[in-house]
């Protein structure tokens, strides 16, 4: 998977198209990522004790990794990711500006 935790990504499809956010969690088995502040869903939470009110909480939901693009920290544009080098020194590179991510 080419997207890692902590990367800045941009949504390329869906209701949040064009918005950017930071990756909170990566789920490689399902090819999904959770992005901070994007793809928010409402969760209805019941009161835990008597006398306490229930709440509606907005929480981020996982999106498919194919629906986001990595934003290059150097050229600040959404880009595809390439790899350069072999196993011990393998690094990700930006396909647009050819810099190391």
PDB file of N, CA and C in Angstrom:
ATOM      1  N   UNK A   1       0.842  -1.173   0.000  1.00  0.00           N
ATOM      2  CA  UNK A   1       0.000   0.000   0.000  1.00  0.00           C
ATOM      3  C   UNK A   1       0.891   1.241   0.000  1.00  0.00           C
ATOM      4  N   UNK A   2       0.588   2.192  -0.851  1.00  0.00           N
ATOM      5  CA  UNK A   2       1.465   3.339  -1.050  1.00  0.00           C
ATOM      6  C   UNK A   2       1.178   4.499  -0.110  1.00  0.00           C
ATOM      7  N   UNK A   3       0.071   4.443   0.615  1.00  0.00           N
ATOM      8  CA  UNK A   3      -0.289   5.506   1.553  1.00  0.00           C
ATOM      9  C   UNK A   3       0.001   5.019   2.966  1.00  0.00           C
ATOM     10  N   UNK A   4       0.649   5.860   3.750  1.00  0.00           N
ATOM     11  CA  UNK A   4       1.049   5.506   5.111  1.00  0.00           C
ATOM     12  C   UNK A   4       0.363   6.430   6.118  1.00  0.00           C
ATOM     13  N   UNK A   5       0.365   5.999   7.377  1.00  0.00           N
ATOM     14  CA  UNK A   5      -0.203   6.800   8.456  1.00  0.00           C
ATOM     15  C   UNK A   5       0.571   8.116   8.572  1.00  0.00           C
ATOM     16  N   UNK A   6      -0.154   9.227   8.700  1.00  0.00           N
ATOM     17  CA  UNK A   6       0.471  10.536   8.823  1.00  0.00           C
ATOM     18  C   UNK A   6       0.600  11.294   7.511  1.00  0.00           C
ATOM     19  N   UNK A   7       0.316  10.640   6.377  1.00  0.00           N
ATOM     20  CA  UNK A   7       0.394  11.300   5.071  1.00  0.00           C
ATOM     21  C   UNK A   7      -0.759  12.285   4.890  1.00  0.00           C
ATOM     22  N   UNK A   8      -0.512  13.350   4.141  1.00  0.00           N
ATOM     23  CA  UNK A   8      -1.562  14.284   3.753  1.00  0.00           C
ATOM     24  C   UNK A   8      -2.130  13.796   2.428  1.00  0.00           C
ATOM     25  N   UNK A   9      -3.449  13.574   2.387  1.00  0.00           N
ATOM     26  CA  UNK A   9      -4.088  13.056   1.179  1.00  0.00           C
ATOM     27  C   UNK A   9      -5.242  13.958   0.759  1.00  0.00           C
ATOM     28  N   UNK A  10      -5.662  13.819  -0.501  1.00  0.00           N
ATOM     29  CA  UNK A  10      -6.797  14.565  -1.042  1.00  0.00           C
ATOM     30  C   UNK A  10      -7.802  13.574  -1.584  1.00  0.00           C
ATOM     31  N   UNK A  11      -9.087  13.799  -1.268  1.00  0.00           N
ATOM     32  CA  UNK A  11     -10.154  12.949  -1.792  1.00  0.00           C
ATOM     33  C   UNK A  11     -10.351  13.269  -3.268  1.00  0.00           C
ATOM     34  N   UNK A  12     -10.485  12.235  -4.096  1.00  0.00           N
ATOM     35  CA  UNK A  12     -10.673  12.465  -5.528  1.00  0.00           C
ATOM     36  C   UNK A  12     -12.071  12.075  -5.992  1.00  0.00           C
ATOM     37  N   UNK A  13     -12.865  11.443  -5.122  1.00  0.00           N
ATOM     38  CA  UNK A  13     -14.254  11.112  -5.450  1.00  0.00           C
ATOM     39  C   UNK A  13     -15.127  11.268  -4.211  1.00  0.00           C
ATOM     40  N   UNK A  14     -16.431  11.269  -4.424  1.00  0.00           N
ATOM     41  CA  UNK A  14     -17.377  11.277  -3.317  1.00  0.00           C
ATOM     42  C   UNK A  14     -17.778  12.668  -2.865  1.00  0.00           C
ATOM     43  N   UNK A  15     -18.490  12.708  -1.731  1.00  0.00           N
ATOM     44  CA  UNK A  15     -19.040  13.971  -1.233  1.00  0.00           C
ATOM     45  C   UNK A  15     -17.956  14.939  -0.747  1.00  0.00           C
ATOM     46  N   UNK A  16     -16.794  14.429  -0.391  1.00  0.00           N
ATOM     47  CA  UNK A  16     -15.694  15.267   0.083  1.00  0.00           C
ATOM     48  C   UNK A  16     -14.627  15.488  -0.983  1.00  0.00           C
ATOM     49  N   UNK A  17     -14.998  15.388  -2.246  1.00  0.00           N
ATOM     50  CA  UNK A  17     -14.045  15.531  -3.350  1.00  0.00           C
ATOM     51  C   UNK A  17     -13.327  16.877  -3.278  1.00  0.00           C
ATOM     52  N   UNK A  18     -11.997  16.850  -3.383  1.00  0.00           N
ATOM     53  CA  UNK A  18     -11.195  18.065  -3.355  1.00  0.00           C
ATOM     54  C   UNK A  18     -10.690  18.459  -1.981  1.00  0.00           C
ATOM     55  N   UNK A  19     -11.240  17.879  -0.919  1.00  0.00           N
ATOM     56  CA  UNK A  19     -10.815  18.220   0.439  1.00  0.00           C
ATOM     57  C   UNK A  19      -9.575  17.414   0.819  1.00  0.00           C
ATOM     58  N   UNK A  20      -8.766  18.012   1.701  1.00  0.00           N
ATOM     59  CA  UNK A  20      -7.540  17.359   2.138  1.00  0.00           C
ATOM     60  C   UNK A  20      -7.608  17.036   3.620  1.00  0.00           C
ATOM     61  N   UNK A  21      -6.891  15.986   4.021  1.00  0.00           N
ATOM     62  CA  UNK A  21      -6.837  15.597   5.416  1.00  0.00           C
ATOM     63  C   UNK A  21      -5.669  14.666   5.676  1.00  0.00           C
ATOM     64  N   UNK A  22      -5.390  14.447   6.951  1.00  0.00           N
ATOM     65  CA  UNK A  22      -4.272  13.605   7.366  1.00  0.00           C
ATOM     66  C   UNK A  22      -4.771  12.179   7.629  1.00  0.00           C
ATOM     67  N   UNK A  23      -3.986  11.192   7.222  1.00  0.00           N
ATOM     68  CA  UNK A  23      -4.359   9.789   7.415  1.00  0.00           C
ATOM     69  C   UNK A  23      -4.149   9.422   8.883  1.00  0.00           C
ATOM     70  N   UNK A  24      -5.227   8.921   9.524  1.00  0.00           N
ATOM     71  CA  UNK A  24      -5.185   8.522  10.925  1.00  0.00           C
ATOM     72  C   UNK A  24      -4.834   7.045  11.052  1.00  0.00           C
ATOM     73  N   UNK A  25      -5.421   6.236  10.162  1.00  0.00           N
ATOM     74  CA  UNK A  25      -5.278   4.783  10.267  1.00  0.00           C
ATOM     75  C   UNK A  25      -5.264   4.172   8.874  1.00  0.00           C
ATOM     76  N   UNK A  26      -4.463   3.127   8.694  1.00  0.00           N
ATOM     77  CA  UNK A  26      -4.381   2.404   7.426  1.00  0.00           C
ATOM     78  C   UNK A  26      -4.797   0.962   7.682  1.00  0.00           C
ATOM     79  N   UNK A  27      -5.696   0.428   6.828  1.00  0.00           N
ATOM     80  CA  UNK A  27      -6.157  -0.957   6.936  1.00  0.00           C
ATOM     81  C   UNK A  27      -5.753  -1.680   5.654  1.00  0.00           C
ATOM     82  N   UNK A  28      -4.525  -2.243   5.601  1.00  0.00           N
ATOM     83  CA  UNK A  28      -4.023  -2.819   4.350  1.00  0.00           C
ATOM     84  C   UNK A  28      -4.795  -4.042   3.860  1.00  0.00           C
ATOM     85  N   UNK A  29      -5.330  -4.860   4.760  1.00  0.00           N
ATOM     86  CA  UNK A  29      -6.066  -6.063   4.343  1.00  0.00           C
ATOM     87  C   UNK A  29      -7.317  -5.713   3.553  1.00  0.00           C
ATOM     88  N   UNK A  30      -7.945  -4.596   3.891  1.00  0.00           N
ATOM     89  CA  UNK A  30      -9.164  -4.157   3.206  1.00  0.00           C
ATOM     90  C   UNK A  30      -8.882  -3.057   2.185  1.00  0.00           C
ATOM     91  N   UNK A  31      -7.626  -2.623   2.071  1.00  0.00           N
ATOM     92  CA  UNK A  31      -7.210  -1.546   1.173  1.00  0.00           C
ATOM     93  C   UNK A  31      -7.984  -0.255   1.466  1.00  0.00           C
ATOM     94  N   UNK A  32      -8.081   0.088   2.759  1.00  0.00           N
ATOM     95  CA  UNK A  32      -8.827   1.270   3.185  1.00  0.00           C
ATOM     96  C   UNK A  32      -7.969   2.153   4.076  1.00  0.00           C
ATOM     97  N   UNK A  33      -8.339   3.431   4.121  1.00  0.00           N
ATOM     98  CA  UNK A  33      -7.679   4.395   5.002  1.00  0.00           C
ATOM     99  C   UNK A  33      -8.739   5.223   5.723  1.00  0.00           C
ATOM    100  N   UNK A  34      -8.408   5.679   6.932  1.00  0.00           N
ATOM    101  CA  UNK A  34      -9.274   6.581   7.680  1.00  0.00           C
ATOM    102  C   UNK A  34      -8.594   7.943   7.667  1.00  0.00           C
ATOM    103  N   UNK A  35      -9.331   8.961   7.177  1.00  0.00           N
ATOM    104  CA  UNK A  35      -8.765  10.304   7.021  1.00  0.00           C
ATOM    105  C   UNK A  35      -9.444  11.250   8.005  1.00  0.00           C
ATOM    106  N   UNK A  36      -8.632  12.035   8.703  1.00  0.00           N
ATOM    107  CA  UNK A  36      -9.121  12.968   9.711  1.00  0.00           C
ATOM    108  C   UNK A  36      -9.994  14.052   9.078  1.00  0.00           C
ATOM    109  N   UNK A  37     -11.236  14.178   9.549  1.00  0.00           N
ATOM    110  CA  UNK A  37     -12.135  15.233   9.087  1.00  0.00           C
ATOM    111  C   UNK A  37     -12.863  14.958   7.782  1.00  0.00           C
ATOM    112  N   UNK A  38     -12.645  13.801   7.156  1.00  0.00           N
ATOM    113  CA  UNK A  38     -13.311  13.471   5.896  1.00  0.00           C
ATOM    114  C   UNK A  38     -14.147  12.205   6.055  1.00  0.00           C
ATOM    115  N   UNK A  39     -15.194  12.090   5.224  1.00  0.00           N
ATOM    116  CA  UNK A  39     -16.116  10.952   5.245  1.00  0.00           C
ATOM    117  C   UNK A  39     -16.705  10.754   6.645  1.00  0.00           C
ATOM    118  N   UNK A  40     -17.213  11.839   7.214  1.00  0.00           N
ATOM    119  CA  UNK A  40     -17.772  11.797   8.563  1.00  0.00           C
ATOM    120  C   UNK A  40     -19.176  11.206   8.552  1.00  0.00           C
ATOM    121  N   UNK A  41     -19.461  10.359   9.544  1.00  0.00           N
ATOM    122  CA  UNK A  41     -20.784   9.777   9.711  1.00  0.00           C
ATOM    123  C   UNK A  41     -21.267  10.086  11.124  1.00  0.00           C
ATOM    124  N   UNK A  42     -22.595  10.144  11.280  1.00  0.00           N
ATOM    125  CA  UNK A  42     -23.172  10.417  12.591  1.00  0.00           C
ATOM    126  C   UNK A  42     -23.378   9.106  13.335  1.00  0.00           C
ATOM    127  N   UNK A  43     -22.898   9.065  14.586  1.00  0.00           N
ATOM    128  CA  UNK A  43     -23.085   7.890  15.429  1.00  0.00           C
ATOM    129  C   UNK A  43     -23.955   8.310  16.605  1.00  0.00           C
ATOM    130  N   UNK A  44     -25.056   7.604  16.782  1.00  0.00           N
ATOM    131  CA  UNK A  44     -25.969   7.893  17.882  1.00  0.00           C
ATOM    132  C   UNK A  44     -25.512   7.097  19.096  1.00  0.00           C
ATOM    133  N   UNK A  45     -25.167   7.821  20.162  1.00  0.00           N
ATOM    134  CA  UNK A  45     -24.647   7.173  21.351  1.00  0.00           C
ATOM    135  C   UNK A  45     -25.691   7.233  22.463  1.00  0.00           C
ATOM    136  N   UNK A  46     -25.983   6.083  23.041  1.00  0.00           N
ATOM    137  CA  UNK A  46     -26.958   6.010  24.128  1.00  0.00           C
ATOM    138  C   UNK A  46     -26.339   6.558  25.414  1.00  0.00           C
ATOM    139  N   UNK A  47     -27.199   7.021  26.342  1.00  0.00           N
ATOM    140  CA  UNK A  47     -26.663   7.458  27.632  1.00  0.00           C
ATOM    141  C   UNK A  47     -26.091   6.264  28.396  1.00  0.00           C
ATOM    142  N   UNK A  48     -24.952   6.464  29.055  1.00  0.00           N
ATOM    143  CA  UNK A  48     -24.291   5.359  29.762  1.00  0.00           C
ATOM    144  C   UNK A  48     -24.831   5.188  31.177  1.00  0.00           C
ATOM    145  N   UNK A  49     -25.257   6.284  31.804  1.00  0.00           N
ATOM    146  CA  UNK A  49     -25.810   6.212  33.160  1.00  0.00           C
ATOM    147  C   UNK A  49     -27.155   6.929  33.196  1.00  0.00           C
ATOM    148  N   UNK A  50     -27.902   6.669  34.241  1.00  0.00           N
ATOM    149  CA  UNK A  50     -29.182   7.354  34.414  1.00  0.00           C
ATOM    150  C   UNK A  50     -28.922   8.838  34.652  1.00  0.00           C
ATOM    151  N   UNK A  51     -29.716   9.674  34.032  1.00  0.00           N
ATOM    152  CA  UNK A  51     -29.562  11.116  34.177  1.00  0.00           C
ATOM    153  C   UNK A  51     -28.611  11.736  33.162  1.00  0.00           C
ATOM    154  N   UNK A  52     -27.988  10.906  32.363  1.00  0.00           N
ATOM    155  CA  UNK A  52     -27.064  11.403  31.339  1.00  0.00           C
ATOM    156  C   UNK A  52     -27.788  11.431  29.998  1.00  0.00           C
ATOM    157  N   UNK A  53     -27.468  12.397  29.154  1.00  0.00           N
ATOM    158  CA  UNK A  53     -28.125  12.511  27.856  1.00  0.00           C
ATOM    159  C   UNK A  53     -27.382  11.706  26.795  1.00  0.00           C
ATOM    160  N   UNK A  54     -28.138  11.265  25.798  1.00  0.00           N
ATOM    161  CA  UNK A  54     -27.525  10.627  24.642  1.00  0.00           C
ATOM    162  C   UNK A  54     -26.919  11.691  23.739  1.00  0.00           C
ATOM    163  N   UNK A  55     -26.048  11.264  22.828  1.00  0.00           N
ATOM    164  CA  UNK A  55     -25.368  12.218  21.963  1.00  0.00           C
ATOM    165  C   UNK A  55     -25.329  11.714  20.534  1.00  0.00           C
ATOM    166  N   UNK A  56     -25.152  12.657  19.625  1.00  0.00           N
ATOM    167  CA  UNK A  56     -24.878  12.315  18.230  1.00  0.00           C
ATOM    168  C   UNK A  56     -23.451  12.779  17.960  1.00  0.00           C
ATOM    169  N   UNK A  57     -22.576  11.822  17.642  1.00  0.00           N
ATOM    170  CA  UNK A  57     -21.155  12.105  17.458  1.00  0.00           C
ATOM    171  C   UNK A  57     -20.786  11.956  15.988  1.00  0.00           C
ATOM    172  N   UNK A  58     -20.005  12.904  15.458  1.00  0.00           N
ATOM    173  CA  UNK A  58     -19.465  12.785  14.104  1.00  0.00           C
ATOM    174  C   UNK A  58     -18.124  12.070  14.195  1.00  0.00           C
ATOM    175  N   UNK A  59     -17.994  10.962  13.463  1.00  0.00           N
ATOM    176  CA  UNK A  59     -16.729  10.239  13.481  1.00  0.00           C
ATOM    177  C   UNK A  59     -16.310   9.864  12.066  1.00  0.00           C
ATOM    178  N   UNK A  60     -14.996   9.853  11.787  1.00  0.00           N
ATOM    179  CA  UNK A  60     -14.528   9.510  10.440  1.00  0.00           C
ATOM    180  C   UNK A  60     -14.689   8.028  10.156  1.00  0.00           C
ATOM    181  N   UNK A  61     -15.023   7.712   8.911  1.00  0.00           N
ATOM    182  CA  UNK A  61     -15.207   6.328   8.492  1.00  0.00           C
ATOM    183  C   UNK A  61     -14.174   6.010   7.412  1.00  0.00           C
ATOM    184  N   UNK A  62     -13.811   4.751   7.295  1.00  0.00           N
ATOM    185  CA  UNK A  62     -12.786   4.332   6.336  1.00  0.00           C
ATOM    186  C   UNK A  62     -13.262   4.526   4.900  1.00  0.00           C
ATOM    187  N   UNK A  63     -12.343   4.950   4.032  1.00  0.00           N
ATOM    188  CA  UNK A  63     -12.602   5.074   2.599  1.00  0.00           C
ATOM    189  C   UNK A  63     -11.602   4.197   1.866  1.00  0.00           C
ATOM    190  N   UNK A  64     -11.952   3.793   0.665  1.00  0.00           N
ATOM    191  CA  UNK A  64     -11.050   2.973  -0.123  1.00  0.00           C
ATOM    192  C   UNK A  64      -9.817   3.790  -0.499  1.00  0.00           C
ATOM    193  N   UNK A  65      -8.673   3.142  -0.479  1.00  0.00           N
ATOM    194  CA  UNK A  65      -7.410   3.834  -0.769  1.00  0.00           C
ATOM    195  C   UNK A  65      -7.358   4.360  -2.197  1.00  0.00           C
ATOM    196  N   UNK A  66      -8.155   3.775  -3.094  1.00  0.00           N
ATOM    197  CA  UNK A  66      -8.167   4.246  -4.478  1.00  0.00           C
ATOM    198  C   UNK A  66      -8.918   5.567  -4.625  1.00  0.00           C
ATOM    199  N   UNK A  67      -9.640   5.988  -3.593  1.00  0.00           N
ATOM    200  CA  UNK A  67     -10.401   7.238  -3.644  1.00  0.00           C
ATOM    201  C   UNK A  67      -9.629   8.434  -3.094  1.00  0.00           C
ATOM    202  N   UNK A  68      -8.379   8.219  -2.689  1.00  0.00           N
ATOM    203  CA  UNK A  68      -7.548   9.316  -2.200  1.00  0.00           C
ATOM    204  C   UNK A  68      -6.227   9.343  -2.963  1.00  0.00           C
ATOM    205  N   UNK A  69      -5.637  10.547  -3.056  1.00  0.00           N
ATOM    206  CA  UNK A  69      -4.317  10.715  -3.669  1.00  0.00           C
ATOM    207  C   UNK A  69      -3.405  11.403  -2.670  1.00  0.00           C
ATOM    208  N   UNK A  70      -2.179  10.959  -2.629  1.00  0.00           N
ATOM    209  CA  UNK A  70      -1.184  11.551  -1.752  1.00  0.00           C
ATOM    210  C   UNK A  70      -0.834  12.957  -2.230  1.00  0.00           C
ATOM    211  N   UNK A  71      -0.732  13.905  -1.290  1.00  0.00           N
ATOM    212  CA  UNK A  71      -0.327  15.273  -1.616  1.00  0.00           C
ATOM    213  C   UNK A  71       1.169  15.381  -1.330  1.00  0.00           C
ATOM    214  N   UNK A  72       1.933  15.743  -2.353  1.00  0.00           N
ATOM    215  CA  UNK A  72       3.394  15.854  -2.231  1.00  0.00           C
ATOM    216  C   UNK A  72       3.737  17.010  -1.294  1.00  0.00           C
ATOM    217  N   UNK A  73       4.600  16.792  -0.291  1.00  0.00           N
ATOM    218  CA  UNK A  73       4.962  17.880   0.621  1.00  0.00           C
ATOM    219  C   UNK A  73       5.822  18.966  -0.033  1.00  0.00           C
ATOM    220  N   UNK A  74       6.442  18.666  -1.185  1.00  0.00           N
ATOM    221  CA  UNK A  74       7.312  19.640  -1.841  1.00  0.00           C
ATOM    222  C   UNK A  74       6.552  20.508  -2.842  1.00  0.00           C
ATOM    223  N   UNK A  75       5.791  19.873  -3.750  1.00  0.00           N
ATOM    224  CA  UNK A  75       5.088  20.653  -4.779  1.00  0.00           C
ATOM    225  C   UNK A  75       3.638  20.957  -4.396  1.00  0.00           C
ATOM    226  N   UNK A  76       3.163  20.415  -3.265  1.00  0.00           N
ATOM    227  CA  UNK A  76       1.818  20.692  -2.715  1.00  0.00           C
ATOM    228  C   UNK A  76       0.680  20.332  -3.665  1.00  0.00           C
ATOM    229  N   UNK A  77       0.909  19.341  -4.547  1.00  0.00           N
ATOM    230  CA  UNK A  77      -0.128  18.898  -5.476  1.00  0.00           C
ATOM    231  C   UNK A  77      -0.414  17.418  -5.259  1.00  0.00           C
ATOM    232  N   UNK A  78      -1.667  16.989  -5.508  1.00  0.00           N
ATOM    233  CA  UNK A  78      -1.947  15.555  -5.428  1.00  0.00           C
ATOM    234  C   UNK A  78      -1.185  14.822  -6.527  1.00  0.00           C
ATOM    235  N   UNK A  79      -0.575  13.710  -6.170  1.00  0.00           N
ATOM    236  CA  UNK A  79       0.287  13.012  -7.107  1.00  0.00           C
ATOM    237  C   UNK A  79       0.213  11.507  -6.908  1.00  0.00           C
ATOM    238  N   UNK A  80       0.633  10.784  -7.931  1.00  0.00           N
ATOM    239  CA  UNK A  80       0.789   9.343  -7.796  1.00  0.00           C
ATOM    240  C   UNK A  80       2.133   9.082  -7.128  1.00  0.00           C
ATOM    241  N   UNK A  81       2.270   7.905  -6.562  1.00  0.00           N
ATOM    242  CA  UNK A  81       3.480   7.561  -5.828  1.00  0.00           C
ATOM    243  C   UNK A  81       4.269   6.518  -6.597  1.00  0.00           C
ATOM    244  N   UNK A  82       5.573   6.722  -6.675  1.00  0.00           N
ATOM    245  CA  UNK A  82       6.464   5.741  -7.278  1.00  0.00           C
ATOM    246  C   UNK A  82       7.499   5.315  -6.256  1.00  0.00           C
ATOM    247  N   UNK A  83       8.237   4.270  -6.569  1.00  0.00           N
ATOM    248  CA  UNK A  83       9.291   3.798  -5.678  1.00  0.00           C
ATOM    249  C   UNK A  83      10.621   3.852  -6.394  1.00  0.00           C
ATOM    250  N   UNK A  84      11.683   4.076  -5.636  1.00  0.00           N
ATOM    251  CA  UNK A  84      13.017   4.131  -6.197  1.00  0.00           C
ATOM    252  C   UNK A  84      13.963   3.381  -5.264  1.00  0.00           C
ATOM    253  N   UNK A  85      14.853   2.592  -5.833  1.00  0.00           N
ATOM    254  CA  UNK A  85      15.827   1.850  -5.042  1.00  0.00           C
ATOM    255  C   UNK A  85      15.344   0.456  -4.707  1.00  0.00           C
ATOM    256  N   UNK A  86      16.224  -0.291  -4.092  1.00  0.00           N
ATOM    257  CA  UNK A  86      15.919  -1.667  -3.689  1.00  0.00           C
ATOM    258  C   UNK A  86      15.556  -1.715  -2.213  1.00  0.00           C
ATOM    259  N   UNK A  87      15.278  -2.888  -1.718  1.00  0.00           N
ATOM    260  CA  UNK A  87      14.698  -3.147  -0.417  1.00  0.00           C
ATOM    261  C   UNK A  87      15.230  -2.322   0.764  1.00  0.00           C
ATOM    262  N   UNK A  88      16.503  -2.371   1.137  1.00  0.00           N
ATOM    263  CA  UNK A  88      16.857  -1.615   2.353  1.00  0.00           C
ATOM    264  C   UNK A  88      16.768  -0.094   2.185  1.00  0.00           C
ATOM    265  N   UNK A  89      16.993   0.402   0.978  1.00  0.00           N
ATOM    266  CA  UNK A  89      16.982   1.849   0.740  1.00  0.00           C
ATOM    267  C   UNK A  89      15.813   2.292  -0.133  1.00  0.00           C
ATOM    268  N   UNK A  90      14.741   1.517  -0.152  1.00  0.00           N
ATOM    269  CA  UNK A  90      13.582   1.821  -0.996  1.00  0.00           C
ATOM    270  C   UNK A  90      12.848   3.053  -0.450  1.00  0.00           C
ATOM    271  N   UNK A  91      12.610   4.042  -1.321  1.00  0.00           N
ATOM    272  CA  UNK A  91      11.933   5.274  -0.904  1.00  0.00           C
ATOM    273  C   UNK A  91      10.786   5.586  -1.856  1.00  0.00           C
ATOM    274  N   UNK A  92       9.794   6.318  -1.339  1.00  0.00           N
ATOM    275  CA  UNK A  92       8.681   6.767  -2.175  1.00  0.00           C
ATOM    276  C   UNK A  92       9.068   8.075  -2.850  1.00  0.00           C
ATOM    277  N   UNK A  93       8.675   8.225  -4.125  1.00  0.00           N
ATOM    278  CA  UNK A  93       8.958   9.466  -4.849  1.00  0.00           C
ATOM    279  C   UNK A  93       7.674  10.014  -5.461  1.00  0.00           C
ATOM    280  N   UNK A  94       7.643  11.330  -5.629  1.00  0.00           N
ATOM    281  CA  UNK A  94       6.531  12.028  -6.278  1.00  0.00           C
ATOM    282  C   UNK A  94       6.685  11.865  -7.780  1.00  0.00           C
ATOM    283  N   UNK A  95       5.625  11.470  -8.472  1.00  0.00           N
ATOM    284  CA  UNK A  95       5.684  11.272  -9.921  1.00  0.00           C
ATOM    285  C   UNK A  95       5.726  12.601 -10.681  1.00  0.00           C
ATOM    286  N   UNK A  96       5.321  13.716 -10.037  1.00  0.00           N
ATOM    287  CA  UNK A  96       5.291  15.013 -10.719  1.00  0.00           C
ATOM    288  C   UNK A  96       6.614  15.760 -10.599  1.00  0.00           C
ATOM    289  N   UNK A  97       7.155  15.849  -9.377  1.00  0.00           N
ATOM    290  CA  UNK A  97       8.385  16.634  -9.197  1.00  0.00           C
ATOM    291  C   UNK A  97       9.615  15.766  -8.936  1.00  0.00           C
ATOM    292  N   UNK A  98       9.436  14.453  -8.876  1.00  0.00           N
ATOM    293  CA  UNK A  98      10.527  13.480  -8.703  1.00  0.00           C
ATOM    294  C   UNK A  98      11.293  13.628  -7.389  1.00  0.00           C
ATOM    295  N   UNK A  99      10.707  14.261  -6.378  1.00  0.00           N
ATOM    296  CA  UNK A  99      11.381  14.402  -5.093  1.00  0.00           C
ATOM    297  C   UNK A  99      10.977  13.269  -4.153  1.00  0.00           C
ATOM    298  N   UNK A 100      11.808  13.004  -3.157  1.00  0.00           N
ATOM    299  CA  UNK A 100      11.554  11.937  -2.187  1.00  0.00           C
ATOM    300  C   UNK A 100      10.481  12.401  -1.209  1.00  0.00           C
ATOM    301  N   UNK A 101       9.502  11.536  -0.974  1.00  0.00           N
ATOM    302  CA  UNK A 101       8.406  11.859  -0.050  1.00  0.00           C
ATOM    303  C   UNK A 101       8.780  11.365   1.342  1.00  0.00           C
TER     304      UNK A 101
END
